[in-house]
PDB file of all heavy atoms in Angstrom:
ATOM      1  N   LEU A   1       0.518   9.229  14.961  1.00  0.00           N
ATOM      2  CA  LEU A   1       0.449   8.874  13.541  1.00  0.00           C
ATOM      3  C   LEU A   1       0.209   7.340  13.490  1.00  0.00           C
ATOM      4  O   LEU A   1       0.973   6.588  14.122  1.00  0.00           O
ATOM      5  CB  LEU A   1       1.720   9.217  12.819  1.00  0.00           C
ATOM      6  CG  LEU A   1       1.759   8.972  11.332  1.00  0.00           C
ATOM      7  CD1 LEU A   1       0.755   9.879  10.626  1.00  0.00           C
ATOM      8  CD2 LEU A   1       3.148   9.245  10.782  1.00  0.00           C
ATOM      9  N   LEU A   2      -0.794   6.945  12.828  1.00  0.00           N
ATOM     10  CA  LEU A   2      -1.071   5.516  12.709  1.00  0.00           C
ATOM     11  C   LEU A   2       0.142   4.789  12.101  1.00  0.00           C
ATOM     12  O   LEU A   2       0.779   5.314  11.206  1.00  0.00           O
ATOM     13  CB  LEU A   2      -2.288   5.272  11.803  1.00  0.00           C
ATOM     14  CG  LEU A   2      -3.614   5.783  12.320  1.00  0.00           C
ATOM     15  CD1 LEU A   2      -4.689   5.575  11.275  1.00  0.00           C
ATOM     16  CD2 LEU A   2      -4.000   5.065  13.598  1.00  0.00           C
ATOM     17  N   GLU A   3       0.457   3.629  12.610  1.00  0.00           N
ATOM     18  CA  GLU A   3       1.597   2.893  12.128  1.00  0.00           C
ATOM     19  C   GLU A   3       1.420   2.516  10.619  1.00  0.00           C
ATOM     20  O   GLU A   3       2.394   2.288   9.929  1.00  0.00           O
ATOM     21  CB  GLU A   3       1.817   1.637  12.939  1.00  0.00           C
ATOM     22  CG  GLU A   3       2.298   1.919  14.348  1.00  0.00           C
ATOM     23  CD  GLU A   3       2.473   0.698  15.184  1.00  0.00           C
ATOM     24  OE1 GLU A   3       2.593  -0.402  14.604  1.00  0.00           O
ATOM     25  OE2 GLU A   3       2.518   0.801  16.411  1.00  0.00           O
ATOM     26  N   THR A   4       0.188   2.459  10.171  1.00  0.00           N
ATOM     27  CA  THR A   4      -0.035   2.080   8.810  1.00  0.00           C
ATOM     28  C   THR A   4       0.424   3.169   7.805  1.00  0.00           C
ATOM     29  O   THR A   4       0.711   2.788   6.680  1.00  0.00           O
ATOM     30  CB  THR A   4      -1.524   1.780   8.567  1.00  0.00           C
ATOM     31  OG1 THR A   4      -2.311   2.890   8.933  1.00  0.00           O
ATOM     32  CG2 THR A   4      -1.976   0.543   9.310  1.00  0.00           C
ATOM     33  N   VAL A   5       0.440   4.401   8.243  1.00  0.00           N
ATOM     34  CA  VAL A   5       0.824   5.476   7.299  1.00  0.00           C
ATOM     35  C   VAL A   5       2.257   5.307   6.817  1.00  0.00           C
ATOM     36  O   VAL A   5       2.532   5.263   5.601  1.00  0.00           O
ATOM     37  CB  VAL A   5       0.536   6.852   7.899  1.00  0.00           C
ATOM     38  CG1 VAL A   5       1.059   7.955   6.986  1.00  0.00           C
ATOM     39  CG2 VAL A   5      -0.944   7.027   8.161  1.00  0.00           C
ATOM     40  N   PRO A   6       3.253   5.247   7.746  1.00  0.00           N
ATOM     41  CA  PRO A   6       4.626   5.011   7.239  1.00  0.00           C
ATOM     42  C   PRO A   6       4.754   3.678   6.511  1.00  0.00           C
ATOM     43  O   PRO A   6       5.517   3.607   5.540  1.00  0.00           O
ATOM     44  CB  PRO A   6       5.481   4.955   8.508  1.00  0.00           C
ATOM     45  CG  PRO A   6       4.683   5.767   9.517  1.00  0.00           C
ATOM     46  CD  PRO A   6       3.204   5.490   9.191  1.00  0.00           C
ATOM     47  N   ALA A   7       4.002   2.677   6.902  1.00  0.00           N
ATOM     48  CA  ALA A   7       4.039   1.367   6.234  1.00  0.00           C
ATOM     49  C   ALA A   7       3.553   1.500   4.798  1.00  0.00           C
ATOM     50  O   ALA A   7       3.990   0.737   3.928  1.00  0.00           O
ATOM     51  CB  ALA A   7       3.232   0.364   7.014  1.00  0.00           C
ATOM     52  N   LEU A   8       2.729   2.447   4.498  1.00  0.00           N
ATOM     53  CA  LEU A   8       2.240   2.681   3.142  1.00  0.00           C
ATOM     54  C   LEU A   8       3.242   3.569   2.376  1.00  0.00           C
ATOM     55  O   LEU A   8       3.434   3.392   1.183  1.00  0.00           O
ATOM     56  CB  LEU A   8       0.853   3.310   3.169  1.00  0.00           C
ATOM     57  CG  LEU A   8      -0.265   2.474   3.664  1.00  0.00           C
ATOM     58  CD1 LEU A   8      -1.543   3.292   3.856  1.00  0.00           C
ATOM     59  CD2 LEU A   8      -0.529   1.321   2.707  1.00  0.00           C
ATOM     60  N   LEU A   9       3.750   4.598   3.011  1.00  0.00           N
ATOM     61  CA  LEU A   9       4.544   5.555   2.349  1.00  0.00           C
ATOM     62  C   LEU A   9       5.971   5.067   1.975  1.00  0.00           C
ATOM     63  O   LEU A   9       6.491   5.416   0.930  1.00  0.00           O
ATOM     64  CB  LEU A   9       4.677   6.864   3.199  1.00  0.00           C
ATOM     65  CG  LEU A   9       3.357   7.622   3.350  1.00  0.00           C
ATOM     66  CD1 LEU A   9       3.614   8.810   4.302  1.00  0.00           C
ATOM     67  CD2 LEU A   9       2.836   8.076   2.026  1.00  0.00           C
ATOM     68  N   ILE A  10       6.556   4.271   2.848  1.00  0.00           N
ATOM     69  CA  ILE A  10       7.918   3.800   2.584  1.00  0.00           C
ATOM     70  C   ILE A  10       7.990   2.963   1.283  1.00  0.00           C
ATOM     71  O   ILE A  10       8.843   3.244   0.471  1.00  0.00           O
ATOM     72  CB  ILE A  10       8.454   3.001   3.789  1.00  0.00           C
ATOM     73  CG1 ILE A  10       8.730   3.987   4.976  1.00  0.00           C
ATOM     74  CG2 ILE A  10       9.745   2.251   3.430  1.00  0.00           C
ATOM     75  CD1 ILE A  10       9.032   3.327   6.278  1.00  0.00           C
ATOM     76  N   PRO A  11       7.082   2.031   1.085  1.00  0.00           N
ATOM     77  CA  PRO A  11       7.128   1.286  -0.213  1.00  0.00           C
ATOM     78  C   PRO A  11       6.867   2.203  -1.392  1.00  0.00           C
ATOM     79  O   PRO A  11       7.452   1.990  -2.468  1.00  0.00           O
ATOM     80  CB  PRO A  11       6.048   0.218  -0.071  1.00  0.00           C
ATOM     81  CG  PRO A  11       5.802   0.054   1.375  1.00  0.00           C
ATOM     82  CD  PRO A  11       6.123   1.388   1.979  1.00  0.00           C
ATOM     83  N   MET A  12       6.045   3.193  -1.254  1.00  0.00           N
ATOM     84  CA  MET A  12       5.788   4.165  -2.393  1.00  0.00           C
ATOM     85  C   MET A  12       7.052   4.912  -2.659  1.00  0.00           C
ATOM     86  O   MET A  12       7.409   5.066  -3.863  1.00  0.00           O
ATOM     87  CB  MET A  12       4.653   5.090  -2.044  1.00  0.00           C
ATOM     88  CG  MET A  12       3.296   4.418  -2.164  1.00  0.00           C
ATOM     89  SD  MET A  12       1.862   5.485  -2.363  1.00  0.00           S
ATOM     90  CE  MET A  12       2.063   6.776  -1.186  1.00  0.00           C
ATOM     91  N   GLU A  13       7.737   5.396  -1.645  1.00  0.00           N
ATOM     92  CA  GLU A  13       8.960   6.126  -1.848  1.00  0.00           C
ATOM     93  C   GLU A  13      10.027   5.211  -2.523  1.00  0.00           C
ATOM     94  O   GLU A  13      10.634   5.646  -3.517  1.00  0.00           O
ATOM     95  CB  GLU A  13       9.503   6.618  -0.499  1.00  0.00           C
ATOM     96  CG  GLU A  13      10.809   7.385  -0.609  1.00  0.00           C
ATOM     97  CD  GLU A  13      11.328   7.822   0.739  1.00  0.00           C
ATOM     98  OE1 GLU A  13      10.674   7.614   1.787  1.00  0.00           O
ATOM     99  OE2 GLU A  13      12.457   8.407   0.749  1.00  0.00           O
ATOM    100  N   GLU A  14      10.165   4.003  -2.048  1.00  0.00           N
ATOM    101  CA  GLU A  14      11.098   3.086  -2.653  1.00  0.00           C
ATOM    102  C   GLU A  14      10.721   2.786  -4.103  1.00  0.00           C
ATOM    103  O   GLU A  14      11.587   2.640  -4.929  1.00  0.00           O
ATOM    104  CB  GLU A  14      11.137   1.807  -1.808  1.00  0.00           C
ATOM    105  CG  GLU A  14      11.813   2.035  -0.450  1.00  0.00           C
ATOM    106  CD  GLU A  14      11.713   0.844   0.473  1.00  0.00           C
ATOM    107  OE1 GLU A  14      10.940  -0.099   0.171  1.00  0.00           O
ATOM    108  OE2 GLU A  14      12.324   0.865   1.562  1.00  0.00           O
ATOM    109  N   GLY A  15       9.422   2.599  -4.329  1.00  0.00           N
ATOM    110  CA  GLY A  15       8.966   2.285  -5.659  1.00  0.00           C
ATOM    111  C   GLY A  15       9.268   3.421  -6.643  1.00  0.00           C
ATOM    112  O   GLY A  15       9.656   3.179  -7.800  1.00  0.00           O
ATOM    113  N   ILE A  16       9.021   4.671  -6.214  1.00  0.00           N
ATOM    114  CA  ILE A  16       9.295   5.810  -7.076  1.00  0.00           C
ATOM    115  C   ILE A  16      10.783   5.945  -7.354  1.00  0.00           C
ATOM    116  O   ILE A  16      11.243   6.239  -8.465  1.00  0.00           O
ATOM    117  CB  ILE A  16       8.680   7.076  -6.493  1.00  0.00           C
ATOM    118  CG1 ILE A  16       7.154   6.987  -6.565  1.00  0.00           C
ATOM    119  CG2 ILE A  16       9.173   8.301  -7.248  1.00  0.00           C
ATOM    120  CD1 ILE A  16       6.447   8.122  -5.854  1.00  0.00           C
ATOM    121  N   GLU A  17      11.627   5.695  -6.306  1.00  0.00           N
ATOM    122  CA  GLU A  17      13.058   5.742  -6.501  1.00  0.00           C
ATOM    123  C   GLU A  17      13.511   4.666  -7.506  1.00  0.00           C
ATOM    124  O   GLU A  17      14.351   4.929  -8.364  1.00  0.00           O
ATOM    125  CB  GLU A  17      13.766   5.568  -5.152  1.00  0.00           C
ATOM    126  CG  GLU A  17      13.666   6.783  -4.280  1.00  0.00           C
ATOM    127  CD  GLU A  17      14.266   6.546  -2.891  1.00  0.00           C
ATOM    128  OE1 GLU A  17      14.727   5.409  -2.599  1.00  0.00           O
ATOM    129  OE2 GLU A  17      14.286   7.498  -2.094  1.00  0.00           O
ATOM    130  N   LYS A  18      12.942   3.483  -7.413  1.00  0.00           N
ATOM    131  CA  LYS A  18      13.284   2.419  -8.339  1.00  0.00           C
ATOM    132  C   LYS A  18      12.814   2.786  -9.740  1.00  0.00           C
ATOM    133  O   LYS A  18      13.556   2.581 -10.727  1.00  0.00           O
ATOM    134  CB  LYS A  18      12.617   1.121  -7.879  1.00  0.00           C
ATOM    135  CG  LYS A  18      12.972  -0.087  -8.739  1.00  0.00           C
ATOM    136  CD  LYS A  18      12.310  -1.333  -8.168  1.00  0.00           C
ATOM    137  CE  LYS A  18      12.623  -2.539  -9.042  1.00  0.00           C
ATOM    138  NZ  LYS A  18      11.994  -3.758  -8.508  1.00  0.00           N
ATOM    139  N   LEU A  19      11.634   3.334  -9.853  1.00  0.00           N
ATOM    140  CA  LEU A  19      11.105   3.740 -11.128  1.00  0.00           C
ATOM    141  C   LEU A  19      11.976   4.834 -11.750  1.00  0.00           C
ATOM    142  O   LEU A  19      12.161   4.831 -12.966  1.00  0.00           O
ATOM    143  CB  LEU A  19       9.654   4.236 -10.962  1.00  0.00           C
ATOM    144  CG  LEU A  19       8.932   4.676 -12.217  1.00  0.00           C
ATOM    145  CD1 LEU A  19       8.782   3.521 -13.204  1.00  0.00           C
ATOM    146  CD2 LEU A  19       7.523   5.189 -11.821  1.00  0.00           C
ATOM    147  N   ALA A  20      12.513   5.683 -10.958  1.00  0.00           N
ATOM    148  CA  ALA A  20      13.366   6.808 -11.435  1.00  0.00           C
ATOM    149  C   ALA A  20      14.582   6.269 -12.181  1.00  0.00           C
ATOM    150  O   ALA A  20      15.085   6.930 -13.133  1.00  0.00           O
ATOM    151  CB  ALA A  20      13.807   7.702 -10.321  1.00  0.00           C
ATOM    152  N   LYS A  21      15.075   5.135 -11.770  1.00  0.00           N
ATOM    153  CA  LYS A  21      16.266   4.565 -12.439  1.00  0.00           C
ATOM    154  C   LYS A  21      15.907   4.042 -13.816  1.00  0.00           C
ATOM    155  O   LYS A  21      16.705   4.161 -14.728  1.00  0.00           O
ATOM    156  CB  LYS A  21      16.854   3.448 -11.563  1.00  0.00           C
ATOM    157  CG  LYS A  21      17.449   3.937 -10.317  1.00  0.00           C
ATOM    158  CD  LYS A  21      17.898   2.812  -9.402  1.00  0.00           C
ATOM    159  CE  LYS A  21      18.443   3.411  -8.094  1.00  0.00           C
ATOM    160  NZ  LYS A  21      18.707   2.343  -7.125  1.00  0.00           N
ATOM    161  N   ALA A  22      14.709   3.491 -13.954  1.00  0.00           N
ATOM    162  CA  ALA A  22      14.264   2.935 -15.241  1.00  0.00           C
ATOM    163  C   ALA A  22      13.598   3.964 -16.150  1.00  0.00           C
ATOM    164  O   ALA A  22      13.832   3.982 -17.356  1.00  0.00           O
ATOM    165  CB  ALA A  22      13.302   1.781 -14.988  1.00  0.00           C
ATOM    166  N   SER A  23      12.852   4.852 -15.536  1.00  0.00           N
ATOM    167  CA  SER A  23      12.102   5.877 -16.318  1.00  0.00           C
ATOM    168  C   SER A  23      11.913   7.138 -15.491  1.00  0.00           C
ATOM    169  O   SER A  23      10.914   7.227 -14.769  1.00  0.00           O
ATOM    170  CB  SER A  23      10.749   5.298 -16.767  1.00  0.00           C
ATOM    171  OG  SER A  23      10.034   6.300 -17.439  1.00  0.00           O
ATOM    172  N   PRO A  24      12.843   8.047 -15.556  1.00  0.00           N
ATOM    173  CA  PRO A  24      12.741   9.289 -14.753  1.00  0.00           C
ATOM    174  C   PRO A  24      11.423  10.034 -14.986  1.00  0.00           C
ATOM    175  O   PRO A  24      10.858  10.595 -14.044  1.00  0.00           O
ATOM    176  CB  PRO A  24      13.940  10.122 -15.219  1.00  0.00           C
ATOM    177  CG  PRO A  24      14.925   9.138 -15.716  1.00  0.00           C
ATOM    178  CD  PRO A  24      14.086   8.024 -16.310  1.00  0.00           C
ATOM    179  N   LEU A  25      10.939  10.085 -16.222  1.00  0.00           N
ATOM    180  CA  LEU A  25       9.697  10.795 -16.472  1.00  0.00           C
ATOM    181  C   LEU A  25       8.506  10.089 -15.830  1.00  0.00           C
ATOM    182  O   LEU A  25       7.618  10.797 -15.306  1.00  0.00           O
ATOM    183  CB  LEU A  25       9.457  10.959 -18.009  1.00  0.00           C
ATOM    184  CG  LEU A  25      10.410  11.886 -18.719  1.00  0.00           C
ATOM    185  CD1 LEU A  25      10.152  11.873 -20.216  1.00  0.00           C
ATOM    186  CD2 LEU A  25      10.249  13.329 -18.164  1.00  0.00           C
ATOM    187  N   ALA A  26       8.484   8.807 -15.818  1.00  0.00           N
ATOM    188  CA  ALA A  26       7.426   8.068 -15.159  1.00  0.00           C
ATOM    189  C   ALA A  26       7.496   8.312 -13.670  1.00  0.00           C
ATOM    190  O   ALA A  26       6.482   8.487 -12.985  1.00  0.00           O
ATOM    191  CB  ALA A  26       7.470   6.599 -15.463  1.00  0.00           C
ATOM    192  N   ALA A  27       8.719   8.360 -13.097  1.00  0.00           N
ATOM    193  CA  ALA A  27       8.860   8.611 -11.689  1.00  0.00           C
ATOM    194  C   ALA A  27       8.398  10.006 -11.321  1.00  0.00           C
ATOM    195  O   ALA A  27       7.741  10.230 -10.326  1.00  0.00           O
ATOM    196  CB  ALA A  27      10.325   8.419 -11.292  1.00  0.00           C
ATOM    197  N   LEU A  28       8.703  10.962 -12.194  1.00  0.00           N
ATOM    198  CA  LEU A  28       8.252  12.344 -12.015  1.00  0.00           C
ATOM    199  C   LEU A  28       6.732  12.414 -11.976  1.00  0.00           C
ATOM    200  O   LEU A  28       6.105  13.095 -11.157  1.00  0.00           O
ATOM    201  CB  LEU A  28       8.824  13.244 -13.063  1.00  0.00           C
ATOM    202  CG  LEU A  28       8.510  14.713 -12.975  1.00  0.00           C
ATOM    203  CD1 LEU A  28       9.036  15.280 -11.634  1.00  0.00           C
ATOM    204  CD2 LEU A  28       9.144  15.463 -14.123  1.00  0.00           C
ATOM    205  N   ARG A  29       6.127  11.661 -12.955  1.00  0.00           N
ATOM    206  CA  ARG A  29       4.652  11.672 -12.988  1.00  0.00           C
ATOM    207  C   ARG A  29       4.077  11.065 -11.705  1.00  0.00           C
ATOM    208  O   ARG A  29       3.092  11.535 -11.141  1.00  0.00           O
ATOM    209  CB  ARG A  29       4.205  10.879 -14.229  1.00  0.00           C
ATOM    210  CG  ARG A  29       2.714  10.886 -14.415  1.00  0.00           C
ATOM    211  CD  ARG A  29       2.313  10.222 -15.688  1.00  0.00           C
ATOM    212  NE  ARG A  29       0.855  10.288 -15.839  1.00  0.00           N
ATOM    213  CZ  ARG A  29       0.213   9.589 -16.669  1.00  0.00           C
ATOM    214  NH1 ARG A  29       0.855   8.738 -17.501  1.00  0.00           N
ATOM    215  NH2 ARG A  29      -1.081   9.679 -16.780  1.00  0.00           N
ATOM    216  N   ALA A  30       4.680   9.949 -11.274  1.00  0.00           N
ATOM    217  CA  ALA A  30       4.231   9.279 -10.007  1.00  0.00           C
ATOM    218  C   ALA A  30       4.399  10.242  -8.812  1.00  0.00           C
ATOM    219  O   ALA A  30       3.516  10.315  -7.971  1.00  0.00           O
ATOM    220  CB  ALA A  30       4.972   7.994  -9.792  1.00  0.00           C
ATOM    221  N   ALA A  31       5.547  10.903  -8.742  1.00  0.00           N
ATOM    222  CA  ALA A  31       5.804  11.833  -7.669  1.00  0.00           C
ATOM    223  C   ALA A  31       4.804  13.001  -7.643  1.00  0.00           C
ATOM    224  O   ALA A  31       4.311  13.437  -6.599  1.00  0.00           O
ATOM    225  CB  ALA A  31       7.208  12.341  -7.720  1.00  0.00           C
ATOM    226  N   ARG A  32       4.496  13.486  -8.845  1.00  0.00           N
ATOM    227  CA  ARG A  32       3.526  14.569  -8.961  1.00  0.00           C
ATOM    228  C   ARG A  32       2.136  14.144  -8.509  1.00  0.00           C
ATOM    229  O   ARG A  32       1.427  14.836  -7.820  1.00  0.00           O
ATOM    230  CB  ARG A  32       3.450  15.096 -10.396  1.00  0.00           C
ATOM    231  CG  ARG A  32       2.391  16.172 -10.634  1.00  0.00           C
ATOM    232  CD  ARG A  32       2.630  17.395  -9.808  1.00  0.00           C
ATOM    233  NE  ARG A  32       1.575  18.364 -10.048  1.00  0.00           N
ATOM    234  CZ  ARG A  32       1.104  19.224  -9.186  1.00  0.00           C
ATOM    235  NH1 ARG A  32       1.666  19.290  -7.969  1.00  0.00           N
ATOM    236  NH2 ARG A  32       0.135  20.054  -9.502  1.00  0.00           N
ATOM    237  N   ARG A  33       1.752  12.884  -8.871  1.00  0.00           N
ATOM    238  CA  ARG A  33       0.463  12.347  -8.452  1.00  0.00           C
ATOM    239  C   ARG A  33       0.430  12.202  -6.939  1.00  0.00           C
ATOM    240  O   ARG A  33      -0.586  12.550  -6.308  1.00  0.00           O
ATOM    241  CB  ARG A  33       0.210  11.000  -9.107  1.00  0.00           C
ATOM    242  CG  ARG A  33      -1.081  10.382  -8.795  1.00  0.00           C
ATOM    243  CD  ARG A  33      -2.246  11.222  -9.367  1.00  0.00           C
ATOM    244  NE  ARG A  33      -3.397  10.991  -8.502  1.00  0.00           N
ATOM    245  CZ  ARG A  33      -4.293  11.932  -8.163  1.00  0.00           C
ATOM    246  NH1 ARG A  33      -4.191  13.137  -8.667  1.00  0.00           N
ATOM    247  NH2 ARG A  33      -5.269  11.638  -7.382  1.00  0.00           N
ATOM    248  N   LEU A  34       1.526  11.786  -6.347  1.00  0.00           N
ATOM    249  CA  LEU A  34       1.603  11.699  -4.889  1.00  0.00           C
ATOM    250  C   LEU A  34       1.501  13.052  -4.235  1.00  0.00           C
ATOM    251  O   LEU A  34       0.801  13.260  -3.234  1.00  0.00           O
ATOM    252  CB  LEU A  34       2.913  11.022  -4.514  1.00  0.00           C
ATOM    253  CG  LEU A  34       3.124  10.751  -3.011  1.00  0.00           C
ATOM    254  CD1 LEU A  34       2.031   9.867  -2.429  1.00  0.00           C
ATOM    255  CD2 LEU A  34       4.488  10.086  -2.838  1.00  0.00           C
ATOM    256  N   GLU A  35       2.137  14.072  -4.886  1.00  0.00           N
ATOM    257  CA  GLU A  35       2.062  15.438  -4.350  1.00  0.00           C
ATOM    258  C   GLU A  35       0.634  15.981  -4.422  1.00  0.00           C
ATOM    259  O   GLU A  35       0.168  16.582  -3.461  1.00  0.00           O
ATOM    260  CB  GLU A  35       2.989  16.335  -5.199  1.00  0.00           C
ATOM    261  CG  GLU A  35       3.020  17.771  -4.748  1.00  0.00           C
ATOM    262  CD  GLU A  35       3.963  18.582  -5.661  1.00  0.00           C
ATOM    263  OE1 GLU A  35       4.007  18.360  -6.847  1.00  0.00           O
ATOM    264  OE2 GLU A  35       4.599  19.506  -5.090  1.00  0.00           O
ATOM    265  N   VAL A  36      -0.056  15.739  -5.507  1.00  0.00           N
ATOM    266  CA  VAL A  36      -1.459  16.184  -5.655  1.00  0.00           C
ATOM    267  C   VAL A  36      -2.318  15.528  -4.599  1.00  0.00           C
ATOM    268  O   VAL A  36      -3.143  16.173  -3.929  1.00  0.00           O
ATOM    269  CB  VAL A  36      -1.984  15.938  -7.093  1.00  0.00           C
ATOM    270  CG1 VAL A  36      -3.453  16.117  -7.158  1.00  0.00           C
ATOM    271  CG2 VAL A  36      -1.243  16.858  -8.042  1.00  0.00           C
ATOM    272  N   THR A  37      -2.130  14.216  -4.450  1.00  0.00           N
ATOM    273  CA  THR A  37      -2.916  13.473  -3.457  1.00  0.00           C
ATOM    274  C   THR A  37      -2.677  14.032  -2.042  1.00  0.00           C
ATOM    275  O   THR A  37      -3.586  14.252  -1.310  1.00  0.00           O
ATOM    276  CB  THR A  37      -2.561  11.997  -3.516  1.00  0.00           C
ATOM    277  OG1 THR A  37      -2.902  11.459  -4.792  1.00  0.00           O
ATOM    278  CG2 THR A  37      -3.331  11.198  -2.455  1.00  0.00           C
ATOM    279  N   ALA A  38      -1.399  14.304  -1.692  1.00  0.00           N
ATOM    280  CA  ALA A  38      -1.048  14.856  -0.388  1.00  0.00           C
ATOM    281  C   ALA A  38      -1.699  16.231  -0.190  1.00  0.00           C
ATOM    282  O   ALA A  38      -2.204  16.510   0.897  1.00  0.00           O
ATOM    283  CB  ALA A  38       0.483  14.957  -0.268  1.00  0.00           C
ATOM    284  N   MET A  39      -1.720  17.051  -1.224  1.00  0.00           N
ATOM    285  CA  MET A  39      -2.329  18.357  -1.111  1.00  0.00           C
ATOM    286  C   MET A  39      -3.840  18.210  -0.875  1.00  0.00           C
ATOM    287  O   MET A  39      -4.432  18.929  -0.056  1.00  0.00           O
ATOM    288  CB  MET A  39      -2.035  19.234  -2.319  1.00  0.00           C
ATOM    289  CG  MET A  39      -0.593  19.652  -2.378  1.00  0.00           C
ATOM    290  SD  MET A  39      -0.107  20.805  -3.711  1.00  0.00           S
ATOM    291  CE  MET A  39      -1.271  20.573  -5.019  1.00  0.00           C
ATOM    292  N   GLN A  40      -4.469  17.306  -1.584  1.00  0.00           N
ATOM    293  CA  GLN A  40      -5.896  17.141  -1.444  1.00  0.00           C
ATOM    294  C   GLN A  40      -6.263  16.646  -0.025  1.00  0.00           C
ATOM    295  O   GLN A  40      -7.154  17.171   0.607  1.00  0.00           O
ATOM    296  CB  GLN A  40      -6.435  16.129  -2.519  1.00  0.00           C
ATOM    297  CG  GLN A  40      -6.402  16.701  -3.879  1.00  0.00           C
ATOM    298  CD  GLN A  40      -6.701  15.675  -4.927  1.00  0.00           C
ATOM    299  OE1 GLN A  40      -6.595  14.456  -4.716  1.00  0.00           O
ATOM    300  NE2 GLN A  40      -7.089  16.127  -6.129  1.00  0.00           N
ATOM    301  N   VAL A  41      -5.532  15.616   0.425  1.00  0.00           N
ATOM    302  CA  VAL A  41      -5.830  15.067   1.749  1.00  0.00           C
ATOM    303  C   VAL A  41      -5.482  16.071   2.833  1.00  0.00           C
ATOM    304  O   VAL A  41      -6.180  16.210   3.827  1.00  0.00           O
ATOM    305  CB  VAL A  41      -5.051  13.770   2.003  1.00  0.00           C
ATOM    306  CG1 VAL A  41      -5.683  12.949   3.108  1.00  0.00           C
ATOM    307  CG2 VAL A  41      -4.934  12.919   0.777  1.00  0.00           C
ATOM    308  N   GLY A  42      -4.381  16.778   2.613  1.00  0.00           N
ATOM    309  CA  GLY A  42      -3.926  17.799   3.576  1.00  0.00           C
ATOM    310  C   GLY A  42      -4.941  18.905   3.692  1.00  0.00           C
ATOM    311  O   GLY A  42      -5.227  19.399   4.774  1.00  0.00           O
ATOM    312  N   TYR A  43      -5.537  19.302   2.593  1.00  0.00           N
ATOM    313  CA  TYR A  43      -6.548  20.372   2.585  1.00  0.00           C
ATOM    314  C   TYR A  43      -7.722  19.986   3.460  1.00  0.00           C
ATOM    315  O   TYR A  43      -8.122  20.730   4.344  1.00  0.00           O
ATOM    316  CB  TYR A  43      -7.011  20.671   1.168  1.00  0.00           C
ATOM    317  CG  TYR A  43      -8.180  21.661   1.142  1.00  0.00           C
ATOM    318  CD1 TYR A  43      -7.940  23.037   1.203  1.00  0.00           C
ATOM    319  CD2 TYR A  43      -9.497  21.232   1.027  1.00  0.00           C
ATOM    320  CE1 TYR A  43      -9.027  23.934   1.187  1.00  0.00           C
ATOM    321  CE2 TYR A  43     -10.554  22.091   0.995  1.00  0.00           C
ATOM    322  CZ  TYR A  43     -10.289  23.482   1.079  1.00  0.00           C
ATOM    323  OH  TYR A  43     -11.348  24.357   1.085  1.00  0.00           O
TER     324      TYR A  43
END
């Protein structure tokens, strides 16, 4: 696994967790977008 992949994902995870404290619905939307992206790339 390229080292850049975890380097990209960790800040996204932290950002969504931070967003969840301020706006759970926005965090949910961000998490869903990440899920869709993962499914597309995974396919």
